[in-house]
Amino acid sequence: MIQAIIFDMGGVLAHESWGRARLAEFDAMLGWEPGSLVQTLFSGPAWEAYSTGEISPAEYWAQTGEPLEGSLPQDFIFFKDNFWGAELDLATVALARRLRARYHIALLSNASPFLPAGLLKEPHLAGLFDHVIISAYVGMRKPDPEIFHYTSRLLNLAPGTCVLVDDKARNTSAAEELGMKAVVHVGALETERALRALGVNV
């Protein structure tokens, strides 16, 4: 019996289209291929260390962004927050709010330590989550199995009673290997249908 729905932030409760478009503009300024800065900033050893709290924002930026500052506009520096410029997906937030009436709701996000000071202050998210698990604060990140165990323990529930909603198949697959149910998020409507198919009362 499903008792909790665990939502990802980026690509699920929030979309990063504006920030990604701005980074694409910066790629063009540098003469780089589109998507290069996304890879530079948000993948690889520096990002993994930053998003698990192993290095500070200053250390992360010294490795990734600081060498490029002189070639890019001043707003580039804000991208040390991986959710800078992100906007809530209000349809998915509304779905989570409806589910909140019957289920425990948690947030599980691979993110920098800036996330609590940013999107989590949005009025639309007020009171939505029973627990907020951010990789930079717990020292683990998806798809590490331990972060799913950690989340289910916080909820005081068996993994099999939880559903993960995430936009990355590698994360949903890892959760399913532990016995969780999972939905690969494409949009609010598709996720609602998938949750209903799992027996969730939406």
N, C-alpha and C. Protein backbone atom coordinates (compact mmCIF):
# COMPACT_ATOMS: atom_id res chain seq x y z
N MET A 1 0.84 -1.20 0.00
CA MET A 1 0.00 0.00 0.00
C MET A 1 0.88 1.25 0.00
N ILE A 2 0.67 2.12 -0.97
CA ILE A 2 1.46 3.34 -1.08
C ILE A 2 1.12 4.31 0.05
N GLN A 3 2.16 4.82 0.71
CA GLN A 3 1.95 5.78 1.79
C GLN A 3 2.70 7.10 1.59
N ALA A 4 3.65 7.13 0.67
CA ALA A 4 4.44 8.35 0.47
C ALA A 4 4.81 8.53 -0.99
N ILE A 5 4.86 9.78 -1.42
CA ILE A 5 5.34 10.14 -2.76
C ILE A 5 6.55 11.03 -2.56
N ILE A 6 7.64 10.66 -3.20
CA ILE A 6 8.91 11.38 -3.08
C ILE A 6 9.19 12.08 -4.41
N PHE A 7 9.24 13.39 -4.38
CA PHE A 7 9.42 14.18 -5.60
C PHE A 7 10.85 14.69 -5.73
N ASP A 8 11.35 14.64 -6.95
CA ASP A 8 12.57 15.35 -7.33
C ASP A 8 12.22 16.83 -7.54
N MET A 9 13.25 17.70 -7.51
CA MET A 9 13.00 19.11 -7.78
C MET A 9 13.23 19.44 -9.25
N GLY A 10 14.49 19.45 -9.70
CA GLY A 10 14.79 19.86 -11.06
C GLY A 10 14.23 18.91 -12.10
N GLY A 11 13.47 19.45 -13.04
CA GLY A 11 12.84 18.63 -14.07
C GLY A 11 11.53 18.02 -13.64
N VAL A 12 11.13 18.25 -12.39
CA VAL A 12 9.87 17.71 -11.88
C VAL A 12 9.05 18.85 -11.27
N LEU A 13 9.39 19.27 -10.07
CA LEU A 13 8.66 20.36 -9.43
C LEU A 13 9.10 21.73 -9.95
N ALA A 14 10.24 21.78 -10.58
CA ALA A 14 10.73 23.03 -11.15
C ALA A 14 11.38 22.74 -12.49
N HIS A 15 11.31 23.70 -13.39
CA HIS A 15 12.00 23.55 -14.67
C HIS A 15 13.06 24.62 -14.78
N GLU A 16 14.12 24.28 -15.49
CA GLU A 16 15.31 25.12 -15.57
C GLU A 16 15.54 25.65 -16.97
N SER A 17 14.47 25.80 -17.73
CA SER A 17 14.61 26.18 -19.14
C SER A 17 15.27 27.54 -19.33
N TRP A 18 14.91 28.52 -18.46
CA TRP A 18 15.52 29.84 -18.61
C TRP A 18 17.02 29.77 -18.35
N GLY A 19 17.41 29.11 -17.26
CA GLY A 19 18.83 29.01 -16.94
C GLY A 19 19.61 28.27 -18.00
N ARG A 20 19.03 27.20 -18.52
CA ARG A 20 19.72 26.45 -19.57
C ARG A 20 19.85 27.29 -20.85
N ALA A 21 18.83 28.09 -21.14
CA ALA A 21 18.91 28.96 -22.32
C ALA A 21 20.01 30.01 -22.13
N ARG A 22 20.12 30.54 -20.90
CA ARG A 22 21.16 31.53 -20.64
C ARG A 22 22.54 30.90 -20.75
N LEU A 23 22.70 29.70 -20.25
CA LEU A 23 23.99 29.01 -20.38
C LEU A 23 24.31 28.72 -21.85
N ALA A 24 23.29 28.45 -22.66
CA ALA A 24 23.52 28.26 -24.09
C ALA A 24 24.03 29.54 -24.74
N GLU A 25 23.51 30.68 -24.28
CA GLU A 25 24.02 31.97 -24.78
C GLU A 25 25.49 32.13 -24.41
N PHE A 26 25.83 31.72 -23.19
CA PHE A 26 27.23 31.81 -22.77
C PHE A 26 28.12 30.87 -23.59
N ASP A 27 27.60 29.66 -23.90
CA ASP A 27 28.34 28.75 -24.78
C ASP A 27 28.70 29.44 -26.09
N ALA A 28 27.71 30.13 -26.66
CA ALA A 28 27.94 30.81 -27.94
C ALA A 28 29.00 31.91 -27.79
N MET A 29 28.97 32.63 -26.67
CA MET A 29 29.97 33.68 -26.44
C MET A 29 31.38 33.10 -26.37
N LEU A 30 31.48 31.90 -25.81
CA LEU A 30 32.79 31.25 -25.67
C LEU A 30 33.20 30.49 -26.92
N GLY A 31 32.27 30.34 -27.87
CA GLY A 31 32.54 29.53 -29.05
C GLY A 31 32.49 28.05 -28.77
N TRP A 32 31.75 27.68 -27.72
CA TRP A 32 31.63 26.28 -27.33
C TRP A 32 30.37 25.67 -27.93
N GLU A 33 30.35 24.37 -27.98
CA GLU A 33 29.15 23.64 -28.42
C GLU A 33 28.03 23.83 -27.41
N PRO A 34 26.76 23.90 -27.88
CA PRO A 34 25.64 24.01 -26.94
C PRO A 34 25.65 22.87 -25.93
N GLY A 35 25.40 23.21 -24.69
CA GLY A 35 25.39 22.21 -23.63
C GLY A 35 26.72 22.03 -22.93
N SER A 36 27.77 22.68 -23.44
CA SER A 36 29.09 22.49 -22.85
C SER A 36 29.17 23.01 -21.43
N LEU A 37 28.59 24.19 -21.19
CA LEU A 37 28.65 24.75 -19.84
C LEU A 37 27.82 23.95 -18.85
N VAL A 38 26.69 23.42 -19.30
CA VAL A 38 25.90 22.56 -18.41
C VAL A 38 26.74 21.38 -17.96
N GLN A 39 27.49 20.79 -18.89
CA GLN A 39 28.35 19.67 -18.55
C GLN A 39 29.49 20.10 -17.63
N THR A 40 30.07 21.26 -17.92
CA THR A 40 31.19 21.76 -17.12
C THR A 40 30.78 22.02 -15.68
N LEU A 41 29.60 22.64 -15.52
CA LEU A 41 29.16 23.06 -14.19
C LEU A 41 28.46 21.96 -13.41
N PHE A 42 27.68 21.13 -14.11
CA PHE A 42 26.75 20.25 -13.40
C PHE A 42 26.95 18.77 -13.67
N SER A 43 28.17 18.41 -14.02
CA SER A 43 28.54 16.99 -14.08
C SER A 43 30.03 16.88 -13.81
N GLY A 44 30.48 15.70 -13.51
CA GLY A 44 31.90 15.50 -13.27
C GLY A 44 32.26 15.57 -11.79
N PRO A 45 33.53 15.36 -11.48
CA PRO A 45 33.98 15.25 -10.09
C PRO A 45 33.71 16.49 -9.24
N ALA A 46 33.92 17.69 -9.79
CA ALA A 46 33.72 18.90 -8.99
C ALA A 46 32.26 19.04 -8.58
N TRP A 47 31.35 18.84 -9.54
CA TRP A 47 29.92 18.94 -9.23
C TRP A 47 29.50 17.87 -8.24
N GLU A 48 29.98 16.65 -8.41
CA GLU A 48 29.60 15.58 -7.49
C GLU A 48 30.10 15.88 -6.08
N ALA A 49 31.31 16.42 -5.97
CA ALA A 49 31.83 16.78 -4.65
C ALA A 49 31.04 17.93 -4.04
N TYR A 50 30.69 18.90 -4.85
CA TYR A 50 29.93 20.06 -4.39
C TYR A 50 28.53 19.66 -3.95
N SER A 51 27.89 18.83 -4.75
CA SER A 51 26.50 18.46 -4.47
C SER A 51 26.37 17.38 -3.40
N THR A 52 27.51 16.94 -2.85
CA THR A 52 27.46 16.07 -1.68
C THR A 52 28.13 16.75 -0.47
N GLY A 53 28.41 18.04 -0.59
CA GLY A 53 28.95 18.79 0.53
C GLY A 53 30.41 18.56 0.82
N GLU A 54 31.13 17.89 -0.09
CA GLU A 54 32.54 17.61 0.15
C GLU A 54 33.41 18.85 -0.05
N ILE A 55 32.99 19.76 -0.91
CA ILE A 55 33.71 21.01 -1.12
C ILE A 55 32.74 22.17 -0.99
N SER A 56 33.27 23.33 -0.67
CA SER A 56 32.45 24.53 -0.45
C SER A 56 32.05 25.17 -1.77
N PRO A 57 31.08 26.10 -1.73
CA PRO A 57 30.76 26.85 -2.95
C PRO A 57 31.98 27.54 -3.55
N ALA A 58 32.83 28.11 -2.71
CA ALA A 58 34.02 28.80 -3.22
C ALA A 58 34.98 27.83 -3.89
N GLU A 59 35.17 26.66 -3.30
CA GLU A 59 36.07 25.66 -3.90
C GLU A 59 35.51 25.14 -5.21
N TYR A 60 34.22 24.89 -5.23
CA TYR A 60 33.58 24.43 -6.46
C TYR A 60 33.74 25.45 -7.57
N TRP A 61 33.45 26.72 -7.26
CA TRP A 61 33.49 27.75 -8.29
C TRP A 61 34.92 28.00 -8.78
N ALA A 62 35.89 27.87 -7.90
CA ALA A 62 37.29 28.04 -8.31
C ALA A 62 37.68 27.00 -9.36
N GLN A 63 37.09 25.81 -9.25
CA GLN A 63 37.41 24.74 -10.20
C GLN A 63 36.62 24.84 -11.50
N THR A 64 35.42 25.36 -11.45
CA THR A 64 34.53 25.29 -12.61
C THR A 64 34.24 26.64 -13.27
N GLY A 65 33.81 27.62 -12.49
CA GLY A 65 33.33 28.86 -13.07
C GLY A 65 34.31 30.01 -13.08
N GLU A 66 35.13 30.09 -12.05
CA GLU A 66 36.01 31.24 -11.90
C GLU A 66 36.93 31.48 -13.10
N PRO A 67 37.49 30.42 -13.72
CA PRO A 67 38.36 30.66 -14.87
C PRO A 67 37.64 31.29 -16.07
N LEU A 68 36.31 31.25 -16.08
CA LEU A 68 35.55 31.77 -17.21
C LEU A 68 34.94 33.14 -16.95
N GLU A 69 35.02 33.62 -15.72
CA GLU A 69 34.33 34.86 -15.36
C GLU A 69 34.74 36.04 -16.23
N GLY A 70 36.01 36.14 -16.58
CA GLY A 70 36.47 37.27 -17.37
C GLY A 70 35.96 37.30 -18.79
N SER A 71 35.42 36.17 -19.25
CA SER A 71 34.93 36.07 -20.63
C SER A 71 33.42 36.14 -20.74
N LEU A 72 32.72 36.25 -19.60
CA LEU A 72 31.26 36.16 -19.62
C LEU A 72 30.64 37.29 -18.80
N PRO A 73 29.36 37.60 -19.05
CA PRO A 73 28.67 38.64 -18.28
C PRO A 73 28.64 38.32 -16.79
N GLN A 74 28.37 39.37 -16.01
CA GLN A 74 28.46 39.25 -14.56
C GLN A 74 27.48 38.23 -13.98
N ASP A 75 26.32 38.03 -14.63
CA ASP A 75 25.34 37.11 -14.06
C ASP A 75 25.78 35.65 -14.13
N PHE A 76 26.86 35.36 -14.82
CA PHE A 76 27.37 33.99 -14.88
C PHE A 76 27.65 33.45 -13.48
N ILE A 77 28.10 34.31 -12.57
CA ILE A 77 28.49 33.86 -11.24
C ILE A 77 27.33 33.24 -10.47
N PHE A 78 26.10 33.63 -10.81
CA PHE A 78 24.94 33.10 -10.09
C PHE A 78 24.73 31.61 -10.33
N PHE A 79 25.38 31.06 -11.35
CA PHE A 79 25.18 29.65 -11.67
C PHE A 79 25.93 28.72 -10.73
N LYS A 80 26.58 29.25 -9.70
CA LYS A 80 27.08 28.35 -8.66
C LYS A 80 25.90 27.73 -7.89
N ASP A 81 24.72 28.34 -8.03
CA ASP A 81 23.46 27.75 -7.58
C ASP A 81 22.84 27.06 -8.79
N ASN A 82 22.77 25.73 -8.75
CA ASN A 82 22.31 25.01 -9.95
C ASN A 82 20.84 25.26 -10.26
N PHE A 83 20.09 25.86 -9.34
CA PHE A 83 18.70 26.19 -9.62
C PHE A 83 18.49 27.69 -9.88
N TRP A 84 19.55 28.42 -10.11
CA TRP A 84 19.37 29.85 -10.37
C TRP A 84 18.58 30.04 -11.67
N GLY A 85 17.52 30.86 -11.59
CA GLY A 85 16.67 31.11 -12.75
C GLY A 85 15.59 30.07 -12.95
N ALA A 86 15.54 29.04 -12.10
CA ALA A 86 14.51 28.01 -12.24
C ALA A 86 13.14 28.55 -11.84
N GLU A 87 12.11 27.96 -12.41
CA GLU A 87 10.74 28.34 -12.10
C GLU A 87 9.94 27.09 -11.74
N LEU A 88 9.01 27.25 -10.83
CA LEU A 88 8.19 26.11 -10.45
C LEU A 88 7.31 25.65 -11.60
N ASP A 89 7.14 24.34 -11.69
CA ASP A 89 6.14 23.76 -12.59
C ASP A 89 4.85 23.69 -11.77
N LEU A 90 4.01 24.68 -11.96
CA LEU A 90 2.84 24.81 -11.07
C LEU A 90 1.86 23.66 -11.23
N ALA A 91 1.80 23.05 -12.40
CA ALA A 91 0.90 21.91 -12.58
C ALA A 91 1.36 20.73 -11.73
N THR A 92 2.66 20.48 -11.70
CA THR A 92 3.17 19.37 -10.89
C THR A 92 3.10 19.70 -9.41
N VAL A 93 3.34 20.95 -9.05
CA VAL A 93 3.19 21.36 -7.65
C VAL A 93 1.74 21.16 -7.20
N ALA A 94 0.80 21.51 -8.07
CA ALA A 94 -0.61 21.32 -7.73
C ALA A 94 -0.94 19.84 -7.54
N LEU A 95 -0.35 18.98 -8.37
CA LEU A 95 -0.54 17.54 -8.21
C LEU A 95 0.00 17.08 -6.86
N ALA A 96 1.19 17.54 -6.50
CA ALA A 96 1.77 17.19 -5.20
C ALA A 96 0.90 17.69 -4.06
N ARG A 97 0.33 18.87 -4.22
CA ARG A 97 -0.53 19.44 -3.18
C ARG A 97 -1.79 18.58 -3.00
N ARG A 98 -2.35 18.09 -4.09
CA ARG A 98 -3.53 17.21 -3.97
C ARG A 98 -3.16 15.91 -3.26
N LEU A 99 -2.00 15.37 -3.61
CA LEU A 99 -1.55 14.13 -2.99
C LEU A 99 -1.28 14.30 -1.50
N ARG A 100 -0.90 15.51 -1.11
CA ARG A 100 -0.56 15.81 0.28
C ARG A 100 -1.73 15.52 1.23
N ALA A 101 -2.94 15.55 0.70
CA ALA A 101 -4.11 15.30 1.55
C ALA A 101 -4.20 13.84 1.99
N ARG A 102 -3.52 12.94 1.26
CA ARG A 102 -3.66 11.50 1.55
C ARG A 102 -2.33 10.79 1.81
N TYR A 103 -1.24 11.42 1.41
CA TYR A 103 0.06 10.74 1.47
C TYR A 103 1.12 11.65 2.09
N HIS A 104 2.16 11.01 2.62
CA HIS A 104 3.35 11.77 3.00
C HIS A 104 4.04 12.24 1.71
N ILE A 105 4.58 13.46 1.74
CA ILE A 105 5.26 14.01 0.59
C ILE A 105 6.67 14.42 1.02
N ALA A 106 7.66 13.97 0.26
CA ALA A 106 9.05 14.33 0.53
C ALA A 106 9.68 14.90 -0.73
N LEU A 107 10.70 15.71 -0.51
CA LEU A 107 11.53 16.23 -1.61
C LEU A 107 12.90 15.57 -1.52
N LEU A 108 13.38 15.04 -2.64
CA LEU A 108 14.70 14.41 -2.70
C LEU A 108 15.42 14.95 -3.91
N SER A 109 16.44 15.78 -3.69
CA SER A 109 17.06 16.50 -4.80
C SER A 109 18.58 16.46 -4.72
N ASN A 110 19.22 16.18 -5.86
CA ASN A 110 20.64 16.40 -6.00
C ASN A 110 20.84 17.90 -6.25
N ALA A 111 21.38 18.60 -5.28
CA ALA A 111 21.43 20.06 -5.41
C ALA A 111 22.55 20.63 -4.56
N SER A 112 22.88 21.88 -4.88
CA SER A 112 23.86 22.64 -4.11
C SER A 112 23.23 23.08 -2.79
N PRO A 113 24.04 23.60 -1.86
CA PRO A 113 23.46 24.07 -0.59
C PRO A 113 22.62 25.33 -0.72
N PHE A 114 22.54 25.90 -1.92
CA PHE A 114 21.73 27.10 -2.11
C PHE A 114 20.23 26.79 -2.21
N LEU A 115 19.87 25.55 -2.46
CA LEU A 115 18.45 25.24 -2.72
C LEU A 115 17.52 25.66 -1.59
N PRO A 116 17.81 25.40 -0.32
CA PRO A 116 16.85 25.80 0.71
C PRO A 116 16.58 27.30 0.75
N ALA A 117 17.58 28.10 0.39
CA ALA A 117 17.42 29.55 0.44
C ALA A 117 16.73 30.10 -0.81
N GLY A 118 16.54 29.26 -1.82
CA GLY A 118 15.98 29.72 -3.07
C GLY A 118 14.56 29.22 -3.30
N LEU A 119 14.44 28.16 -4.08
CA LEU A 119 13.11 27.69 -4.47
C LEU A 119 12.27 27.28 -3.27
N LEU A 120 12.88 26.79 -2.22
CA LEU A 120 12.08 26.31 -1.09
C LEU A 120 11.38 27.43 -0.35
N LYS A 121 11.74 28.68 -0.65
CA LYS A 121 11.02 29.81 -0.06
C LYS A 121 9.77 30.18 -0.84
N GLU A 122 9.54 29.52 -1.96
CA GLU A 122 8.36 29.81 -2.78
C GLU A 122 7.08 29.55 -1.99
N PRO A 123 6.14 30.49 -1.97
CA PRO A 123 4.88 30.29 -1.24
C PRO A 123 4.12 29.04 -1.69
N HIS A 124 4.24 28.68 -2.96
CA HIS A 124 3.52 27.50 -3.47
C HIS A 124 4.01 26.21 -2.82
N LEU A 125 5.22 26.23 -2.26
CA LEU A 125 5.77 25.02 -1.64
C LEU A 125 5.59 25.01 -0.12
N ALA A 126 5.04 26.06 0.43
CA ALA A 126 4.92 26.18 1.88
C ALA A 126 4.10 25.02 2.45
N GLY A 127 4.66 24.32 3.41
CA GLY A 127 3.95 23.25 4.09
C GLY A 127 3.73 22.00 3.27
N LEU A 128 4.38 21.91 2.10
CA LEU A 128 4.13 20.77 1.22
C LEU A 128 4.85 19.51 1.67
N PHE A 129 6.07 19.66 2.18
CA PHE A 129 6.92 18.49 2.39
C PHE A 129 6.99 18.07 3.86
N ASP A 130 6.88 16.77 4.07
CA ASP A 130 7.15 16.21 5.39
C ASP A 130 8.65 16.22 5.67
N HIS A 131 9.42 15.96 4.63
CA HIS A 131 10.88 15.95 4.77
C HIS A 131 11.51 16.50 3.49
N VAL A 132 12.61 17.21 3.64
CA VAL A 132 13.39 17.74 2.52
C VAL A 132 14.78 17.15 2.61
N ILE A 133 15.17 16.40 1.59
CA ILE A 133 16.47 15.75 1.56
C ILE A 133 17.25 16.32 0.38
N ILE A 134 18.32 17.04 0.69
CA ILE A 134 19.14 17.69 -0.32
C ILE A 134 20.54 17.08 -0.25
N SER A 135 21.04 16.64 -1.38
CA SER A 135 22.28 15.88 -1.40
C SER A 135 23.44 16.62 -0.73
N ALA A 136 23.54 17.93 -0.92
CA ALA A 136 24.66 18.68 -0.35
C ALA A 136 24.66 18.67 1.17
N TYR A 137 23.51 18.39 1.77
CA TYR A 137 23.41 18.38 3.23
C TYR A 137 23.50 16.98 3.82
N VAL A 138 23.19 15.97 3.05
CA VAL A 138 23.22 14.61 3.60
C VAL A 138 24.44 13.82 3.14
N GLY A 139 25.22 14.40 2.21
CA GLY A 139 26.46 13.74 1.79
C GLY A 139 26.27 12.56 0.89
N MET A 140 25.10 12.45 0.27
CA MET A 140 24.80 11.37 -0.68
C MET A 140 24.00 11.97 -1.81
N ARG A 141 24.03 11.31 -2.95
CA ARG A 141 23.24 11.80 -4.07
C ARG A 141 22.66 10.62 -4.85
N LYS A 142 21.53 10.87 -5.47
CA LYS A 142 20.95 9.86 -6.36
C LYS A 142 21.92 9.61 -7.51
N PRO A 143 22.06 8.38 -7.96
CA PRO A 143 21.30 7.17 -7.63
C PRO A 143 21.92 6.28 -6.56
N ASP A 144 22.73 6.81 -5.67
CA ASP A 144 23.28 6.02 -4.57
C ASP A 144 22.13 5.38 -3.79
N PRO A 145 22.11 4.05 -3.69
CA PRO A 145 21.00 3.39 -2.99
C PRO A 145 20.80 3.89 -1.57
N GLU A 146 21.88 4.30 -0.91
CA GLU A 146 21.76 4.69 0.48
C GLU A 146 20.88 5.91 0.67
N ILE A 147 20.82 6.81 -0.33
CA ILE A 147 19.99 8.00 -0.15
C ILE A 147 18.51 7.63 -0.19
N PHE A 148 18.16 6.58 -0.90
CA PHE A 148 16.77 6.11 -0.91
C PHE A 148 16.43 5.43 0.42
N HIS A 149 17.37 4.65 0.94
CA HIS A 149 17.16 4.06 2.27
C HIS A 149 17.00 5.16 3.31
N TYR A 150 17.86 6.16 3.23
CA TYR A 150 17.82 7.28 4.18
C TYR A 150 16.47 7.98 4.13
N THR A 151 15.97 8.20 2.93
CA THR A 151 14.68 8.88 2.78
C THR A 151 13.54 8.06 3.36
N SER A 152 13.52 6.77 3.10
CA SER A 152 12.44 5.93 3.63
C SER A 152 12.53 5.84 5.15
N ARG A 153 13.76 5.86 5.70
CA ARG A 153 13.89 5.85 7.17
C ARG A 153 13.36 7.14 7.78
N LEU A 154 13.64 8.26 7.13
CA LEU A 154 13.11 9.53 7.62
C LEU A 154 11.58 9.51 7.65
N LEU A 155 11.00 8.91 6.64
CA LEU A 155 9.55 8.81 6.55
C LEU A 155 9.00 7.74 7.49
N ASN A 156 9.90 6.90 8.03
CA ASN A 156 9.50 5.79 8.89
C ASN A 156 8.60 4.82 8.14
N LEU A 157 9.00 4.58 6.88
CA LEU A 157 8.21 3.70 6.02
C LEU A 157 9.12 2.71 5.31
N ALA A 158 8.58 1.57 4.96
CA ALA A 158 9.32 0.61 4.14
C ALA A 158 9.44 1.16 2.72
N PRO A 159 10.56 0.89 2.02
CA PRO A 159 10.71 1.39 0.66
C PRO A 159 9.55 1.02 -0.26
N GLY A 160 9.00 -0.16 -0.07
CA GLY A 160 7.92 -0.62 -0.94
C GLY A 160 6.63 0.16 -0.81
N THR A 161 6.54 1.01 0.21
CA THR A 161 5.34 1.84 0.37
C THR A 161 5.54 3.25 -0.19
N CYS A 162 6.69 3.48 -0.84
CA CYS A 162 7.02 4.81 -1.36
C CYS A 162 7.09 4.80 -2.88
N VAL A 163 6.77 5.93 -3.47
CA VAL A 163 6.91 6.12 -4.92
C VAL A 163 7.85 7.29 -5.16
N LEU A 164 8.87 7.08 -5.98
CA LEU A 164 9.76 8.16 -6.40
C LEU A 164 9.29 8.72 -7.74
N VAL A 165 9.17 10.03 -7.82
CA VAL A 165 8.86 10.72 -9.08
C VAL A 165 10.10 11.52 -9.46
N ASP A 166 10.75 11.12 -10.53
CA ASP A 166 12.03 11.71 -10.92
C ASP A 166 12.11 11.74 -12.45
N ASP A 167 12.82 12.73 -12.98
CA ASP A 167 12.89 12.83 -14.45
C ASP A 167 14.04 12.02 -15.04
N LYS A 168 14.87 11.39 -14.21
CA LYS A 168 16.00 10.63 -14.72
C LYS A 168 15.80 9.15 -14.46
N ALA A 169 15.87 8.37 -15.53
CA ALA A 169 15.61 6.93 -15.43
C ALA A 169 16.65 6.24 -14.55
N ARG A 170 17.89 6.76 -14.51
CA ARG A 170 18.89 6.10 -13.66
C ARG A 170 18.51 6.18 -12.19
N ASN A 171 17.79 7.23 -11.82
CA ASN A 171 17.35 7.36 -10.43
C ASN A 171 16.14 6.48 -10.14
N THR A 172 15.18 6.47 -11.05
CA THR A 172 14.01 5.63 -10.83
C THR A 172 14.39 4.15 -10.84
N SER A 173 15.33 3.78 -11.71
CA SER A 173 15.77 2.38 -11.75
C SER A 173 16.44 1.97 -10.44
N ALA A 174 17.28 2.86 -9.91
CA ALA A 174 17.95 2.56 -8.64
C ALA A 174 16.94 2.42 -7.51
N ALA A 175 15.93 3.28 -7.50
CA ALA A 175 14.89 3.19 -6.47
C ALA A 175 14.11 1.89 -6.59
N GLU A 176 13.79 1.50 -7.81
CA GLU A 176 13.03 0.27 -8.02
C GLU A 176 13.82 -0.96 -7.59
N GLU A 177 15.14 -0.92 -7.74
CA GLU A 177 15.96 -2.05 -7.31
C GLU A 177 15.88 -2.28 -5.81
N LEU A 178 15.54 -1.21 -5.08
CA LEU A 178 15.39 -1.32 -3.62
C LEU A 178 13.97 -1.66 -3.20
N GLY A 179 13.08 -1.78 -4.16
CA GLY A 179 11.70 -2.13 -3.85
C GLY A 179 10.73 -0.97 -3.91
N MET A 180 11.23 0.24 -4.13
CA MET A 180 10.33 1.38 -4.29
C MET A 180 9.59 1.28 -5.61
N LYS A 181 8.43 1.90 -5.66
CA LYS A 181 7.79 2.15 -6.93
C LYS A 181 8.40 3.43 -7.51
N ALA A 182 8.28 3.64 -8.80
CA ALA A 182 8.89 4.83 -9.38
C ALA A 182 8.18 5.23 -10.66
N VAL A 183 8.21 6.53 -10.93
CA VAL A 183 7.63 7.11 -12.13
C VAL A 183 8.68 8.02 -12.76
N VAL A 184 8.96 7.82 -14.04
CA VAL A 184 9.82 8.76 -14.77
C VAL A 184 8.94 9.93 -15.21
N HIS A 185 9.22 11.09 -14.67
CA HIS A 185 8.39 12.27 -14.90
C HIS A 185 8.66 12.88 -16.27
N VAL A 186 7.57 13.10 -17.01
CA VAL A 186 7.63 13.84 -18.27
C VAL A 186 6.84 15.13 -18.12
N GLY A 187 5.69 15.02 -17.50
CA GLY A 187 4.83 16.16 -17.24
C GLY A 187 3.80 15.79 -16.20
N ALA A 188 3.07 16.78 -15.70
CA ALA A 188 2.13 16.54 -14.62
C ALA A 188 1.05 15.54 -15.01
N LEU A 189 0.51 15.67 -16.19
CA LEU A 189 -0.57 14.78 -16.62
C LEU A 189 -0.09 13.34 -16.72
N GLU A 190 1.08 13.15 -17.35
CA GLU A 190 1.63 11.80 -17.49
C GLU A 190 1.94 11.18 -16.13
N THR A 191 2.47 11.99 -15.22
CA THR A 191 2.78 11.47 -13.89
C THR A 191 1.51 11.12 -13.13
N GLU A 192 0.49 11.94 -13.26
CA GLU A 192 -0.78 11.61 -12.61
C GLU A 192 -1.31 10.27 -13.11
N ARG A 193 -1.26 10.06 -14.41
CA ARG A 193 -1.73 8.79 -14.97
C ARG A 193 -0.90 7.62 -14.46
N ALA A 194 0.42 7.80 -14.42
CA ALA A 194 1.30 6.72 -13.95
C ALA A 194 1.06 6.41 -12.47
N LEU A 195 0.84 7.44 -11.68
CA LEU A 195 0.55 7.22 -10.26
C LEU A 195 -0.78 6.47 -10.08
N ARG A 196 -1.77 6.84 -10.84
CA ARG A 196 -3.05 6.12 -10.77
C ARG A 196 -2.87 4.65 -11.12
N ALA A 197 -2.02 4.38 -12.12
CA ALA A 197 -1.76 2.99 -12.52
C ALA A 197 -1.08 2.19 -11.41
N LEU A 198 -0.38 2.89 -10.52
CA LEU A 198 0.25 2.23 -9.37
C LEU A 198 -0.69 2.10 -8.18
N GLY A 199 -1.92 2.59 -8.34
CA GLY A 199 -2.89 2.51 -7.27
C GLY A 199 -2.94 3.70 -6.35
N VAL A 200 -2.26 4.79 -6.74
CA VAL A 200 -2.27 6.01 -5.93
C VAL A 200 -3.58 6.72 -6.14
N ASN A 201 -4.17 7.17 -5.06
CA ASN A 201 -5.45 7.89 -5.11
C ASN A 201 -5.14 9.38 -5.31
N VAL A 202 -5.26 9.81 -6.56
CA VAL A 202 -4.91 11.20 -6.91
C VAL A 202 -6.15 12.08 -6.81
